[in-house]
Amino acid sequence: MLVEHPFKSFSENEFRILEVKPCTQKYLFHSTGKDLVVLNPEFNAKHAAYGSINEYRVPVVFASNKPSNAFCYRPTELYAETRKKYGTSVYHRLVHENHKILLGVYLQGFIYVLFGEDFYEILREDFELGTWIRSTEWISDKKVTPIEKIEITKPYDWEMIPEYEFLGQEYVGEMLAELYLSLVKDGRVKKAIKDCISKPFVPFVPEKLKPFLV
């Protein structure tokens, strides 16, 4: 059965929508650096990364079927200036063994627990680092009221490093830490990353989040 929805890709060269269906998950999760009462698609700042164009052509609230602190951050001045200069995504996410690291930001924010029935499930493909990568995400074009708000003071799954050097649009996305280290020139950035990955990552699970990890 076809599902009626208002969603369209803002650029088929950057990502494409493969399938849209109603969400069947009981709970979903939304992370952000902001303290909110209601999640309003009109105030989603993600469109700023695409030159003020909404990614799905309409404002949406994003969610995930697994909690994450990936967006619980406050950008550094350098990161914010770089994003403003290029008018598009400028993030570098690094992976190394059990480490997942976002550069140019400070850890700050909340994980919100949501009812899955308020969302659509989207199967999409994104063009990153020269290839199409398939993933699933959940979105709503309506206001969503969280059923729980959990402040994040320690990394749940993503570590934040304020040191940052932009490598260019061809490297935006997720990459191995070793690749980034081979390309970056700033010694302070290299040291911060090496110090981080030299120790095993131990996730912190807030007590308020545990009842929803079903």
Protein backbone atom coordinates (compact mmCIF):
# COMPACT_ATOMS: atom_id res chain seq x y z
CA MET A 1 0.00 0.00 0.00
CA LEU A 2 1.31 3.43 -0.96
CA VAL A 3 1.76 5.93 1.86
CA GLU A 4 0.82 9.53 1.23
CA HIS A 5 3.49 11.92 2.45
CA PRO A 6 4.94 15.34 1.60
CA PHE A 7 8.63 14.34 1.56
CA LYS A 8 11.01 14.91 -1.36
CA SER A 9 14.80 15.04 -1.50
CA PHE A 10 16.23 18.56 -1.70
CA SER A 11 18.94 17.22 -4.04
CA GLU A 12 18.93 13.83 -5.75
CA ASN A 13 22.70 14.18 -6.21
CA GLU A 14 23.23 14.18 -2.42
CA PHE A 15 20.52 11.85 -1.12
CA ARG A 16 17.52 9.97 -2.45
CA ILE A 17 14.40 8.56 -0.80
CA LEU A 18 13.85 4.87 -1.52
CA GLU A 19 10.83 4.06 0.67
CA VAL A 20 8.42 5.74 3.11
CA LYS A 21 6.18 3.83 5.55
CA PRO A 22 4.53 4.37 8.96
CA CYS A 23 6.79 3.72 11.94
CA THR A 24 6.18 0.48 13.87
CA GLN A 25 8.67 1.16 16.70
CA LYS A 26 7.20 1.75 20.19
CA TYR A 27 9.79 4.37 21.13
CA LEU A 28 12.05 6.65 19.13
CA PHE A 29 14.77 9.03 20.26
CA HIS A 30 15.84 12.56 19.34
CA SER A 31 19.05 14.22 20.48
CA THR A 32 19.84 17.92 20.41
CA GLY A 33 21.85 20.57 22.16
CA LYS A 34 18.66 22.47 23.01
CA ASP A 35 16.39 22.32 26.06
CA LEU A 36 12.88 21.96 24.56
CA VAL A 37 9.31 21.25 25.65
CA VAL A 38 7.95 20.46 22.18
CA LEU A 39 9.89 19.37 19.10
CA ASN A 40 8.71 21.69 16.35
CA PRO A 41 9.77 20.97 12.76
CA GLU A 42 9.65 24.69 11.97
CA PHE A 43 12.61 25.29 14.30
CA ASN A 44 14.80 22.43 13.11
CA ALA A 45 18.19 24.00 12.43
CA LYS A 46 19.45 21.19 10.17
CA HIS A 47 18.22 23.02 7.08
CA ALA A 48 20.89 25.66 7.74
CA ALA A 49 23.47 23.10 6.62
CA TYR A 50 21.84 23.02 3.18
CA GLY A 51 21.73 26.72 2.42
CA SER A 52 18.36 27.27 4.19
CA ILE A 53 16.69 24.52 2.12
CA ASN A 54 14.82 21.86 4.07
CA GLU A 55 16.39 18.47 3.44
CA TYR A 56 13.02 16.81 2.78
CA ARG A 57 11.56 19.97 1.15
CA VAL A 58 9.35 20.44 4.23
CA PRO A 59 10.43 21.04 7.85
CA VAL A 60 10.68 17.80 9.84
CA VAL A 61 11.57 16.45 13.28
CA PHE A 62 14.24 13.76 13.07
CA ALA A 63 14.37 10.67 15.30
CA SER A 64 16.16 7.34 15.61
CA ASN A 65 15.19 3.87 16.78
CA LYS A 66 18.26 3.85 19.04
CA PRO A 67 19.29 6.56 21.52
CA SER A 68 22.39 8.53 20.63
CA ASN A 69 24.09 11.70 21.78
CA ALA A 70 25.34 12.36 18.24
CA PHE A 71 23.60 15.76 18.13
CA CYS A 72 24.00 16.70 21.80
CA TYR A 73 26.57 19.37 21.16
CA ARG A 74 27.42 23.05 21.09
CA PRO A 75 29.60 23.98 18.10
CA THR A 76 32.85 25.85 18.59
CA GLU A 77 33.24 29.27 17.05
CA LEU A 78 35.52 27.84 14.34
CA TYR A 79 33.03 25.13 13.40
CA ALA A 80 30.15 27.64 13.28
CA GLU A 81 32.16 30.05 11.13
CA THR A 82 33.14 27.25 8.73
CA ARG A 83 29.53 26.12 8.32
CA LYS A 84 28.44 29.71 7.68
CA LYS A 85 31.21 30.20 5.11
CA TYR A 86 30.39 27.11 3.05
CA GLY A 87 26.61 27.10 3.60
CA THR A 88 26.50 23.31 3.73
CA SER A 89 27.63 20.36 5.88
CA VAL A 90 31.18 20.72 7.20
CA TYR A 91 31.26 17.98 9.84
CA HIS A 92 33.95 15.32 10.24
CA ARG A 93 32.97 12.22 12.21
CA LEU A 94 35.78 9.82 13.04
CA VAL A 95 35.65 6.14 13.92
CA HIS A 96 38.37 4.06 15.56
CA GLU A 97 37.67 0.65 17.14
CA ASN A 98 34.88 1.46 19.66
CA HIS A 99 35.34 5.23 19.34
CA LYS A 100 32.95 7.50 17.42
CA ILE A 101 34.09 11.12 17.52
CA LEU A 102 32.61 14.41 16.33
CA LEU A 103 35.08 17.27 15.87
CA GLY A 104 34.64 20.99 16.51
CA VAL A 105 32.01 20.72 19.24
CA TYR A 106 31.42 20.52 23.01
CA LEU A 107 29.17 17.89 24.62
CA GLN A 108 25.90 19.54 25.63
CA GLY A 109 22.25 18.60 25.30
CA PHE A 110 19.45 16.11 25.79
CA ILE A 111 18.07 12.83 24.49
CA TYR A 112 14.28 13.00 24.11
CA VAL A 113 12.11 9.86 24.16
CA LEU A 114 9.20 9.92 21.68
CA PHE A 115 6.28 7.71 20.66
CA GLY A 116 7.09 5.96 17.39
CA GLU A 117 3.51 6.20 16.11
CA ASP A 118 4.06 9.92 15.47
CA PHE A 119 6.69 9.24 12.77
CA TYR A 120 7.35 7.91 9.28
CA GLU A 121 10.15 5.43 8.59
CA ILE A 122 12.40 6.49 5.70
CA LEU A 123 14.78 4.28 3.74
CA ARG A 124 17.33 6.57 2.08
CA GLU A 125 20.72 6.64 0.35
CA ASP A 126 23.34 9.36 0.89
CA PHE A 127 26.31 10.07 -1.35
CA GLU A 128 29.34 10.24 0.95
CA LEU A 129 33.04 9.90 0.15
CA GLY A 130 32.33 8.78 -3.41
CA THR A 131 29.71 6.09 -2.77
CA TRP A 132 26.00 5.69 -2.00
CA ILE A 133 25.37 4.65 1.61
CA ARG A 134 21.94 3.24 2.59
CA SER A 135 20.38 4.00 5.97
CA THR A 136 17.04 4.29 7.77
CA GLU A 137 15.74 7.27 9.71
CA TRP A 138 12.45 8.44 11.17
CA ILE A 139 10.84 11.83 10.54
CA SER A 140 7.66 13.74 11.36
CA ASP A 141 6.32 16.88 9.73
CA LYS A 142 4.18 17.59 12.84
CA LYS A 143 4.98 18.94 16.31
CA VAL A 144 6.00 16.14 18.69
CA THR A 145 5.77 16.20 22.50
CA PRO A 146 8.48 14.10 24.21
CA ILE A 147 7.49 11.59 26.90
CA GLU A 148 10.89 11.94 28.61
CA LYS A 149 13.82 14.39 28.53
CA ILE A 150 17.25 13.13 29.56
CA GLU A 151 20.20 15.48 30.01
CA ILE A 152 23.50 14.16 28.63
CA THR A 153 26.57 15.07 30.68
CA LYS A 154 28.83 12.20 29.58
CA PRO A 155 29.13 10.48 26.18
CA TYR A 156 26.54 7.76 25.59
CA ASP A 157 27.94 6.71 22.21
CA TRP A 158 29.59 9.76 20.56
CA GLU A 159 32.60 11.59 21.98
CA MET A 160 33.02 15.33 21.33
CA ILE A 161 36.35 17.01 20.62
CA PRO A 162 36.45 20.84 20.24
CA GLU A 163 39.64 20.73 18.15
CA TYR A 164 38.77 20.83 14.44
CA GLU A 165 40.29 21.37 11.02
CA PHE A 166 38.08 21.40 7.93
CA LEU A 167 39.44 19.15 5.17
CA GLY A 168 37.01 20.18 2.42
CA GLN A 169 33.70 18.97 1.03
CA GLU A 170 35.16 15.77 -0.36
CA TYR A 171 35.79 14.56 3.20
CA VAL A 172 32.51 15.58 4.83
CA GLY A 173 30.94 12.59 6.53
CA GLU A 174 32.25 9.65 8.52
CA MET A 175 35.82 8.40 8.09
CA LEU A 176 38.49 6.39 9.84
CA ALA A 177 40.43 8.40 12.40
CA GLU A 178 43.64 7.21 10.74
CA LEU A 179 42.59 8.80 7.44
CA TYR A 180 41.80 12.13 9.09
CA LEU A 181 45.09 12.09 10.99
CA SER A 182 47.00 11.50 7.75
CA LEU A 183 45.42 14.60 6.17
CA VAL A 184 45.10 17.14 9.00
CA LYS A 185 47.94 19.66 9.48
CA ASP A 186 47.12 21.26 12.83
CA GLY A 187 49.25 19.60 15.52
CA ARG A 188 46.77 20.47 18.29
CA VAL A 189 44.01 18.65 16.45
CA LYS A 190 46.20 15.59 15.89
CA LYS A 191 47.15 15.45 19.57
CA ALA A 192 43.54 15.74 20.77
CA ILE A 193 42.44 12.85 18.54
CA LYS A 194 45.41 10.64 19.43
CA ASP A 195 44.82 11.25 23.15
CA CYS A 196 41.16 10.31 22.74
CA ILE A 197 41.67 7.06 20.83
CA SER A 198 44.57 5.96 23.05
CA LYS A 199 42.06 5.06 25.78
CA PRO A 200 39.11 2.63 25.48
CA PHE A 201 35.70 4.29 25.26
CA VAL A 202 33.29 3.48 28.10
CA PRO A 203 29.67 4.55 27.36
CA PHE A 204 27.59 6.25 30.05
CA VAL A 205 23.93 5.13 30.22
CA PRO A 206 21.67 7.53 32.22
CA GLU A 207 19.26 5.81 34.62
CA LYS A 208 16.26 7.63 33.09
CA LEU A 209 17.10 6.16 29.68
CA LYS A 210 17.28 2.49 30.74
CA PRO A 211 13.48 1.78 30.85
CA PHE A 212 13.19 2.66 27.15
CA LEU A 213 16.01 0.39 25.97
CA VAL A 214 13.71 -2.46 25.01
